[in-house]
Amino acid sequence: MDPLWTELAARAAVDLDESRQRQLERYLDLLLAANKKMNLTRITDPAAARLLHVADALTVLPHLPTAGHRLADIGSGGGVPGIVLAIARPDAAVTLVESTQKKADFLSAAVAALGLGNVMVEPRRAEELGRSDARESFDVVVSRAVARMPWLAEWMLPLLVKGGMMLAMKGPKVEQEMLVAGKAIGMLGGGQVQILPANLPGQDGHVIVKIGKIRRTDPRYPRAPSAAKGKAI
């Protein structure tokens, strides 16, 4: 049993029992083994991965609804934080959104190997998902190390139901990003912005940007990549 994992889960009144911790260990084994064949993570040391992948993802737990909910992890990459949250909260229906096919294939294989019946993989871009039947269908949308805040707002907020929550895991430079993100957040239906410390031991720069959705998103958004042409709202 990892005492830090247990402590982080306990902050959210989540019981991370021995069975779930074994799943998390197994997930790290799968991630690091696959990383030898494709670029999934820069963190290759198992001890560092326990902290900077699993423990980092667990800092999101206190911000999730206490009841079962639909959660999307955009730009899921190697599955952080989505797979970790799916293991810790088996009552959540988790969608891993990853447009790079090789990474999506890894996610599907990992989900099958871990027996995660509450997870599905969407091998397409967040913009495409946001213009599909999945639009405004998630209670929570999370991301980590995907893009700057103006882009994240356009990709994440359209996926949320009114009253849902956007949770972006960011680093110490997020304050600078927020200077140019306010317009996009407001236009897309976002409300108050909170920048909260992740409280991950030894990682003071880790924060969670929490934005509630207060109204429905204008149907013009998200824009298709060809329409956005590299320019944020």
C-alpha atoms as a PDB file:
ATOM      1  CA  MET A   1       0.000   0.000   0.000  1.00  0.00           C
ATOM      2  CA  ASP A   2       1.349   3.403  -0.990  1.00  0.00           C
ATOM      3  CA  PRO A   3       0.766   5.791   1.954  1.00  0.00           C
ATOM      4  CA  LEU A   4       0.751   8.888  -0.279  1.00  0.00           C
ATOM      5  CA  TRP A   5      -1.853   7.411  -2.616  1.00  0.00           C
ATOM      6  CA  THR A   6      -3.971   6.461   0.393  1.00  0.00           C
ATOM      7  CA  GLU A   7      -3.627   9.954   1.875  1.00  0.00           C
ATOM      8  CA  LEU A   8      -4.554  11.705  -1.360  1.00  0.00           C
ATOM      9  CA  ALA A   9      -7.599   9.503  -1.848  1.00  0.00           C
ATOM     10  CA  ALA A  10      -8.663  10.047   1.752  1.00  0.00           C
ATOM     11  CA  ARG A  11      -8.830  13.809   1.118  1.00  0.00           C
ATOM     12  CA  ALA A  12     -11.822  13.041  -1.097  1.00  0.00           C
ATOM     13  CA  ALA A  13     -13.234  10.360   1.232  1.00  0.00           C
ATOM     14  CA  VAL A  14     -12.274   7.712  -1.319  1.00  0.00           C
ATOM     15  CA  ASP A  15     -11.173   4.297  -0.083  1.00  0.00           C
ATOM     16  CA  LEU A  16      -8.239   3.298  -2.246  1.00  0.00           C
ATOM     17  CA  ASP A  17      -8.144  -0.321  -1.118  1.00  0.00           C
ATOM     18  CA  GLU A  18      -5.441  -2.876  -1.838  1.00  0.00           C
ATOM     19  CA  SER A  19      -7.194  -4.171  -4.955  1.00  0.00           C
ATOM     20  CA  ARG A  20      -7.364  -0.715  -6.527  1.00  0.00           C
ATOM     21  CA  GLN A  21      -3.763   0.012  -5.610  1.00  0.00           C
ATOM     22  CA  ARG A  22      -2.724  -3.207  -7.363  1.00  0.00           C
ATOM     23  CA  GLN A  23      -4.593  -1.972 -10.446  1.00  0.00           C
ATOM     24  CA  LEU A  24      -2.695   1.313 -10.278  1.00  0.00           C
ATOM     25  CA  GLU A  25       0.622  -0.535 -10.019  1.00  0.00           C
ATOM     26  CA  ARG A  26      -0.362  -2.707 -12.957  1.00  0.00           C
ATOM     27  CA  TYR A  27      -1.287   0.380 -14.953  1.00  0.00           C
ATOM     28  CA  LEU A  28       2.159   1.894 -14.354  1.00  0.00           C
ATOM     29  CA  ASP A  29       3.769  -1.374 -15.454  1.00  0.00           C
ATOM     30  CA  LEU A  30       1.767  -1.277 -18.691  1.00  0.00           C
ATOM     31  CA  LEU A  31       2.537   2.396 -19.285  1.00  0.00           C
ATOM     32  CA  LEU A  32       6.284   2.113 -18.748  1.00  0.00           C
ATOM     33  CA  ALA A  33       6.541  -1.075 -20.812  1.00  0.00           C
ATOM     34  CA  ALA A  34       4.653   0.497 -23.740  1.00  0.00           C
ATOM     35  CA  ASN A  35       6.751   3.651 -23.428  1.00  0.00           C
ATOM     36  CA  LYS A  36       9.781   1.678 -24.599  1.00  0.00           C
ATOM     37  CA  LYS A  37       8.065   1.335 -27.984  1.00  0.00           C
ATOM     38  CA  MET A  38       6.313   4.705 -28.308  1.00  0.00           C
ATOM     39  CA  ASN A  39       6.483   8.133 -26.702  1.00  0.00           C
ATOM     40  CA  LEU A  40       3.855   8.080 -23.953  1.00  0.00           C
ATOM     41  CA  THR A  41       5.730   9.751 -21.096  1.00  0.00           C
ATOM     42  CA  ARG A  42       9.046  11.422 -20.331  1.00  0.00           C
ATOM     43  CA  ILE A  43       8.930   9.924 -16.835  1.00  0.00           C
ATOM     44  CA  THR A  44      10.556   6.501 -17.029  1.00  0.00           C
ATOM     45  CA  ASP A  45      11.640   5.963 -13.410  1.00  0.00           C
ATOM     46  CA  PRO A  46       8.995   3.878 -11.579  1.00  0.00           C
ATOM     47  CA  ALA A  47       9.310   5.832  -8.327  1.00  0.00           C
ATOM     48  CA  ALA A  48       8.913   9.141 -10.160  1.00  0.00           C
ATOM     49  CA  ALA A  49       5.946   7.736 -12.082  1.00  0.00           C
ATOM     50  CA  ARG A  50       4.228   6.768  -8.826  1.00  0.00           C
ATOM     51  CA  LEU A  51       4.444  10.394  -7.739  1.00  0.00           C
ATOM     52  CA  LEU A  52       4.140  12.388 -10.959  1.00  0.00           C
ATOM     53  CA  HIS A  53       1.533  10.210 -12.682  1.00  0.00           C
ATOM     54  CA  VAL A  54      -0.576   8.392 -10.097  1.00  0.00           C
ATOM     55  CA  ALA A  55      -0.275  10.715  -7.092  1.00  0.00           C
ATOM     56  CA  ASP A  56      -0.607  13.782  -9.304  1.00  0.00           C
ATOM     57  CA  ALA A  57      -3.803  12.419 -10.849  1.00  0.00           C
ATOM     58  CA  LEU A  58      -5.233  11.604  -7.417  1.00  0.00           C
ATOM     59  CA  THR A  59      -5.082  15.304  -6.475  1.00  0.00           C
ATOM     60  CA  VAL A  60      -8.108  15.756  -8.756  1.00  0.00           C
ATOM     61  CA  LEU A  61     -10.308  13.484  -6.632  1.00  0.00           C
ATOM     62  CA  PRO A  62     -11.545  16.138  -4.148  1.00  0.00           C
ATOM     63  CA  HIS A  63     -12.951  18.174  -7.035  1.00  0.00           C
ATOM     64  CA  LEU A  64     -15.099  15.380  -8.517  1.00  0.00           C
ATOM     65  CA  PRO A  65     -18.805  14.951  -7.741  1.00  0.00           C
ATOM     66  CA  THR A  66     -19.465  12.619  -4.824  1.00  0.00           C
ATOM     67  CA  ALA A  67     -22.053  10.682  -6.832  1.00  0.00           C
ATOM     68  CA  GLY A  68     -21.536   8.762 -10.065  1.00  0.00           C
ATOM     69  CA  HIS A  69     -20.822  11.012 -13.041  1.00  0.00           C
ATOM     70  CA  ARG A  70     -19.617  11.171 -16.643  1.00  0.00           C
ATOM     71  CA  LEU A  71     -16.008  12.296 -17.012  1.00  0.00           C
ATOM     72  CA  ALA A  72     -13.949  12.994 -20.132  1.00  0.00           C
ATOM     73  CA  ASP A  73     -10.142  13.174 -20.172  1.00  0.00           C
ATOM     74  CA  ILE A  74      -9.092  15.122 -23.269  1.00  0.00           C
ATOM     75  CA  GLY A  75      -5.681  14.547 -24.807  1.00  0.00           C
ATOM     76  CA  SER A  76      -5.409  11.529 -22.553  1.00  0.00           C
ATOM     77  CA  GLY A  77      -2.057  10.399 -23.994  1.00  0.00           C
ATOM     78  CA  GLY A  78      -0.864   7.586 -21.750  1.00  0.00           C
ATOM     79  CA  GLY A  79      -4.001   7.715 -19.605  1.00  0.00           C
ATOM     80  CA  VAL A  80      -3.233  10.324 -16.959  1.00  0.00           C
ATOM     81  CA  PRO A  81      -5.349  11.405 -15.234  1.00  0.00           C
ATOM     82  CA  GLY A  82      -8.247   9.466 -16.788  1.00  0.00           C
ATOM     83  CA  ILE A  83      -7.243   5.861 -16.081  1.00  0.00           C
ATOM     84  CA  VAL A  84      -6.098   6.690 -12.556  1.00  0.00           C
ATOM     85  CA  LEU A  85      -9.410   8.405 -11.787  1.00  0.00           C
ATOM     86  CA  ALA A  86     -11.371   5.522 -13.316  1.00  0.00           C
ATOM     87  CA  ILE A  87      -9.624   3.095 -10.979  1.00  0.00           C
ATOM     88  CA  ALA A  88     -10.095   5.291  -7.917  1.00  0.00           C
ATOM     89  CA  ARG A  89     -13.731   6.081  -8.781  1.00  0.00           C
ATOM     90  CA  PRO A  90     -15.289   2.995 -10.398  1.00  0.00           C
ATOM     91  CA  ASP A  91     -18.693   4.699 -10.164  1.00  0.00           C
ATOM     92  CA  ALA A  92     -17.575   7.253 -12.766  1.00  0.00           C
ATOM     93  CA  ALA A  93     -18.100   6.624 -16.483  1.00  0.00           C
ATOM     94  CA  VAL A  94     -14.790   7.760 -17.991  1.00  0.00           C
ATOM     95  CA  THR A  95     -14.094   8.605 -21.638  1.00  0.00           C
ATOM     96  CA  LEU A  96     -10.467   8.875 -22.737  1.00  0.00           C
ATOM     97  CA  VAL A  97     -10.195  11.255 -25.703  1.00  0.00           C
ATOM     98  CA  GLU A  98      -6.992  10.723 -27.695  1.00  0.00           C
ATOM     99  CA  SER A  99      -6.614  11.516 -31.399  1.00  0.00           C
ATOM    100  CA  THR A 100      -3.208   9.866 -31.949  1.00  0.00           C
ATOM    101  CA  GLN A 101      -4.109   6.353 -33.026  1.00  0.00           C
ATOM    102  CA  LYS A 102      -1.088   4.598 -31.487  1.00  0.00           C
ATOM    103  CA  LYS A 103      -1.803   6.179 -28.120  1.00  0.00           C
ATOM    104  CA  ALA A 104      -5.513   5.389 -28.413  1.00  0.00           C
ATOM    105  CA  ASP A 105      -4.609   1.768 -29.174  1.00  0.00           C
ATOM    106  CA  PHE A 106      -2.453   1.648 -26.031  1.00  0.00           C
ATOM    107  CA  LEU A 107      -5.302   3.098 -23.978  1.00  0.00           C
ATOM    108  CA  SER A 108      -7.723   0.475 -25.295  1.00  0.00           C
ATOM    109  CA  ALA A 109      -5.253  -2.318 -24.552  1.00  0.00           C
ATOM    110  CA  ALA A 110      -4.581  -0.984 -21.044  1.00  0.00           C
ATOM    111  CA  VAL A 111      -8.287  -0.633 -20.275  1.00  0.00           C
ATOM    112  CA  ALA A 112      -8.841  -4.241 -21.362  1.00  0.00           C
ATOM    113  CA  ALA A 113      -5.848  -5.552 -19.402  1.00  0.00           C
ATOM    114  CA  LEU A 114      -7.012  -3.741 -16.263  1.00  0.00           C
ATOM    115  CA  GLY A 115     -10.606  -4.895 -16.661  1.00  0.00           C
ATOM    116  CA  LEU A 116     -11.994  -1.362 -16.466  1.00  0.00           C
ATOM    117  CA  GLY A 117     -15.607  -1.720 -17.478  1.00  0.00           C
ATOM    118  CA  ASN A 118     -16.284   1.949 -16.713  1.00  0.00           C
ATOM    119  CA  VAL A 119     -13.906   3.299 -19.381  1.00  0.00           C
ATOM    120  CA  MET A 120     -14.241   3.857 -23.125  1.00  0.00           C
ATOM    121  CA  VAL A 121     -11.705   5.284 -25.574  1.00  0.00           C
ATOM    122  CA  GLU A 122     -12.574   7.922 -28.194  1.00  0.00           C
ATOM    123  CA  PRO A 123      -9.826   8.023 -30.868  1.00  0.00           C
ATOM    124  CA  ARG A 124     -10.624  11.491 -32.173  1.00  0.00           C
ATOM    125  CA  ARG A 125      -9.966  15.160 -31.502  1.00  0.00           C
ATOM    126  CA  ALA A 126     -11.774  16.998 -28.724  1.00  0.00           C
ATOM    127  CA  GLU A 127     -13.128  19.468 -31.306  1.00  0.00           C
ATOM    128  CA  GLU A 128     -14.746  16.625 -33.223  1.00  0.00           C
ATOM    129  CA  LEU A 129     -16.234  15.148 -30.063  1.00  0.00           C
ATOM    130  CA  GLY A 130     -17.559  18.581 -29.110  1.00  0.00           C
ATOM    131  CA  ARG A 131     -19.523  18.753 -32.350  1.00  0.00           C
ATOM    132  CA  SER A 132     -20.945  15.235 -31.994  1.00  0.00           C
ATOM    133  CA  ASP A 133     -23.774  13.738 -29.958  1.00  0.00           C
ATOM    134  CA  ALA A 134     -21.379  13.794 -26.996  1.00  0.00           C
ATOM    135  CA  ARG A 135     -21.553  17.595 -26.888  1.00  0.00           C
ATOM    136  CA  GLU A 136     -22.702  18.931 -23.495  1.00  0.00           C
ATOM    137  CA  SER A 137     -23.004  15.421 -22.077  1.00  0.00           C
ATOM    138  CA  PHE A 138     -20.213  15.275 -19.477  1.00  0.00           C
ATOM    139  CA  ASP A 139     -20.368  16.359 -15.837  1.00  0.00           C
ATOM    140  CA  VAL A 140     -16.593  16.786 -15.607  1.00  0.00           C
ATOM    141  CA  VAL A 141     -13.885  17.310 -18.224  1.00  0.00           C
ATOM    142  CA  VAL A 142     -10.236  17.013 -17.179  1.00  0.00           C
ATOM    143  CA  SER A 143      -6.906  17.602 -18.903  1.00  0.00           C
ATOM    144  CA  ARG A 144      -3.208  17.535 -18.097  1.00  0.00           C
ATOM    145  CA  ALA A 145      -0.334  19.017 -20.101  1.00  0.00           C
ATOM    146  CA  VAL A 146      -2.426  19.390 -23.260  1.00  0.00           C
ATOM    147  CA  ALA A 147      -2.490  23.061 -24.312  1.00  0.00           C
ATOM    148  CA  ARG A 148      -2.695  26.665 -23.137  1.00  0.00           C
ATOM    149  CA  MET A 149      -5.848  27.800 -21.358  1.00  0.00           C
ATOM    150  CA  PRO A 150      -7.591  29.620 -24.252  1.00  0.00           C
ATOM    151  CA  TRP A 151      -7.447  26.430 -26.312  1.00  0.00           C
ATOM    152  CA  LEU A 152      -8.422  24.213 -23.396  1.00  0.00           C
ATOM    153  CA  ALA A 153     -11.497  26.338 -22.776  1.00  0.00           C
ATOM    154  CA  GLU A 154     -12.633  25.881 -26.380  1.00  0.00           C
ATOM    155  CA  TRP A 155     -12.067  22.147 -26.303  1.00  0.00           C
ATOM    156  CA  MET A 156     -13.370  21.384 -22.813  1.00  0.00           C
ATOM    157  CA  LEU A 157     -16.301  23.688 -22.075  1.00  0.00           C
ATOM    158  CA  PRO A 158     -18.469  22.605 -25.061  1.00  0.00           C
ATOM    159  CA  LEU A 159     -18.348  19.028 -23.761  1.00  0.00           C
ATOM    160  CA  LEU A 160     -19.805  19.969 -20.372  1.00  0.00           C
ATOM    161  CA  VAL A 161     -23.428  20.029 -19.322  1.00  0.00           C
ATOM    162  CA  LYS A 162     -24.619  23.285 -17.780  1.00  0.00           C
ATOM    163  CA  GLY A 163     -23.537  23.041 -14.166  1.00  0.00           C
ATOM    164  CA  GLY A 164     -20.579  20.832 -15.064  1.00  0.00           C
ATOM    165  CA  MET A 165     -16.950  21.411 -14.133  1.00  0.00           C
ATOM    166  CA  MET A 166     -13.751  21.893 -16.139  1.00  0.00           C
ATOM    167  CA  LEU A 167     -10.585  20.799 -14.306  1.00  0.00           C
ATOM    168  CA  ALA A 168      -7.284  21.628 -15.992  1.00  0.00           C
ATOM    169  CA  MET A 169      -4.092  20.386 -14.347  1.00  0.00           C
ATOM    170  CA  LYS A 170      -1.481  23.072 -14.927  1.00  0.00           C
ATOM    171  CA  GLY A 171       1.933  24.334 -13.844  1.00  0.00           C
ATOM    172  CA  PRO A 172       3.226  27.580 -12.338  1.00  0.00           C
ATOM    173  CA  LYS A 173       2.884  29.634 -15.561  1.00  0.00           C
ATOM    174  CA  VAL A 174      -0.899  29.319 -15.643  1.00  0.00           C
ATOM    175  CA  GLU A 175      -1.388  32.856 -14.305  1.00  0.00           C
ATOM    176  CA  GLN A 176       0.137  34.186 -17.536  1.00  0.00           C
ATOM    177  CA  GLU A 177      -2.164  31.986 -19.611  1.00  0.00           C
ATOM    178  CA  MET A 178      -5.208  33.262 -17.739  1.00  0.00           C
ATOM    179  CA  LEU A 179      -4.445  36.825 -18.822  1.00  0.00           C
ATOM    180  CA  VAL A 180      -5.525  35.901 -22.356  1.00  0.00           C
ATOM    181  CA  ALA A 181      -8.079  33.178 -21.552  1.00  0.00           C
ATOM    182  CA  GLY A 182     -10.858  35.203 -19.936  1.00  0.00           C
ATOM    183  CA  LYS A 183     -12.570  36.151 -23.198  1.00  0.00           C
ATOM    184  CA  ALA A 184     -12.745  32.545 -24.406  1.00  0.00           C
ATOM    185  CA  ILE A 185     -13.983  31.241 -21.064  1.00  0.00           C
ATOM    186  CA  GLY A 186     -16.822  33.761 -20.961  1.00  0.00           C
ATOM    187  CA  MET A 187     -17.826  33.249 -24.597  1.00  0.00           C
ATOM    188  CA  LEU A 188     -17.968  29.472 -24.155  1.00  0.00           C
ATOM    189  CA  GLY A 189     -20.239  29.481 -21.103  1.00  0.00           C
ATOM    190  CA  GLY A 190     -17.634  29.324 -18.368  1.00  0.00           C
ATOM    191  CA  GLY A 191     -18.078  31.070 -15.034  1.00  0.00           C
ATOM    192  CA  GLN A 192     -15.814  31.805 -12.089  1.00  0.00           C
ATOM    193  CA  VAL A 193     -12.201  30.677 -12.388  1.00  0.00           C
ATOM    194  CA  GLN A 194     -10.446  29.176  -9.383  1.00  0.00           C
ATOM    195  CA  ILE A 195      -6.736  28.369  -9.399  1.00  0.00           C
ATOM    196  CA  LEU A 196      -6.238  25.858  -6.620  1.00  0.00           C
ATOM    197  CA  PRO A 197      -3.029  24.274  -5.324  1.00  0.00           C
ATOM    198  CA  ALA A 198      -2.893  20.576  -6.092  1.00  0.00           C
ATOM    199  CA  ASN A 199      -1.182  19.979  -2.735  1.00  0.00           C
ATOM    200  CA  LEU A 200       1.130  17.339  -4.138  1.00  0.00           C
ATOM    201  CA  PRO A 201       4.102  16.943  -1.772  1.00  0.00           C
ATOM    202  CA  GLY A 202       7.273  18.465  -3.185  1.00  0.00           C
ATOM    203  CA  GLN A 203       5.484  19.882  -6.239  1.00  0.00           C
ATOM    204  CA  ASP A 204       4.437  23.397  -5.214  1.00  0.00           C
ATOM    205  CA  GLY A 205       3.918  24.551  -8.812  1.00  0.00           C
ATOM    206  CA  HIS A 206       1.162  22.048  -9.548  1.00  0.00           C
ATOM    207  CA  VAL A 207      -2.304  23.648  -9.639  1.00  0.00           C
ATOM    208  CA  ILE A 208      -5.817  22.758 -10.750  1.00  0.00           C
ATOM    209  CA  VAL A 209      -7.777  25.358 -12.701  1.00  0.00           C
ATOM    210  CA  LYS A 210     -11.432  24.838 -11.838  1.00  0.00           C
ATOM    211  CA  ILE A 211     -14.104  26.467 -14.001  1.00  0.00           C
ATOM    212  CA  GLY A 212     -17.815  25.852 -13.672  1.00  0.00           C
ATOM    213  CA  LYS A 213     -20.092  25.976 -16.705  1.00  0.00           C
ATOM    214  CA  ILE A 214     -22.917  28.435 -16.115  1.00  0.00           C
ATOM    215  CA  ARG A 215     -24.628  28.498 -19.512  1.00  0.00           C
ATOM    216  CA  ARG A 216     -24.760  26.476 -22.707  1.00  0.00           C
ATOM    217  CA  THR A 217     -22.035  26.920 -25.295  1.00  0.00           C
ATOM    218  CA  ASP A 218     -22.712  28.839 -28.512  1.00  0.00           C
ATOM    219  CA  PRO A 219     -23.195  26.207 -31.269  1.00  0.00           C
ATOM    220  CA  ARG A 220     -20.405  27.844 -33.300  1.00  0.00           C
ATOM    221  CA  TYR A 221     -17.894  26.339 -30.878  1.00  0.00           C
ATOM    222  CA  PRO A 222     -15.680  24.423 -30.791  1.00  0.00           C
ATOM    223  CA  ARG A 223     -14.350  25.464 -34.172  1.00  0.00           C
ATOM    224  CA  ALA A 224     -12.955  22.870 -36.530  1.00  0.00           C
ATOM    225  CA  PRO A 225      -9.121  22.945 -36.634  1.00  0.00           C
ATOM    226  CA  SER A 226      -9.269  24.229 -40.202  1.00  0.00           C
ATOM    227  CA  ALA A 227     -11.473  27.133 -39.115  1.00  0.00           C
ATOM    228  CA  ALA A 228      -9.428  27.969 -36.023  1.00  0.00           C
ATOM    229  CA  LYS A 229      -6.205  28.087 -38.085  1.00  0.00           C
ATOM    230  CA  GLY A 230      -4.032  28.212 -35.001  1.00  0.00           C
ATOM    231  CA  LYS A 231      -5.763  31.254 -33.522  1.00  0.00           C
ATOM    232  CA  ALA A 232      -7.400  30.994 -30.112  1.00  0.00           C
ATOM    233  CA  ILE A 233     -10.695  32.794 -29.441  1.00  0.00           C
END
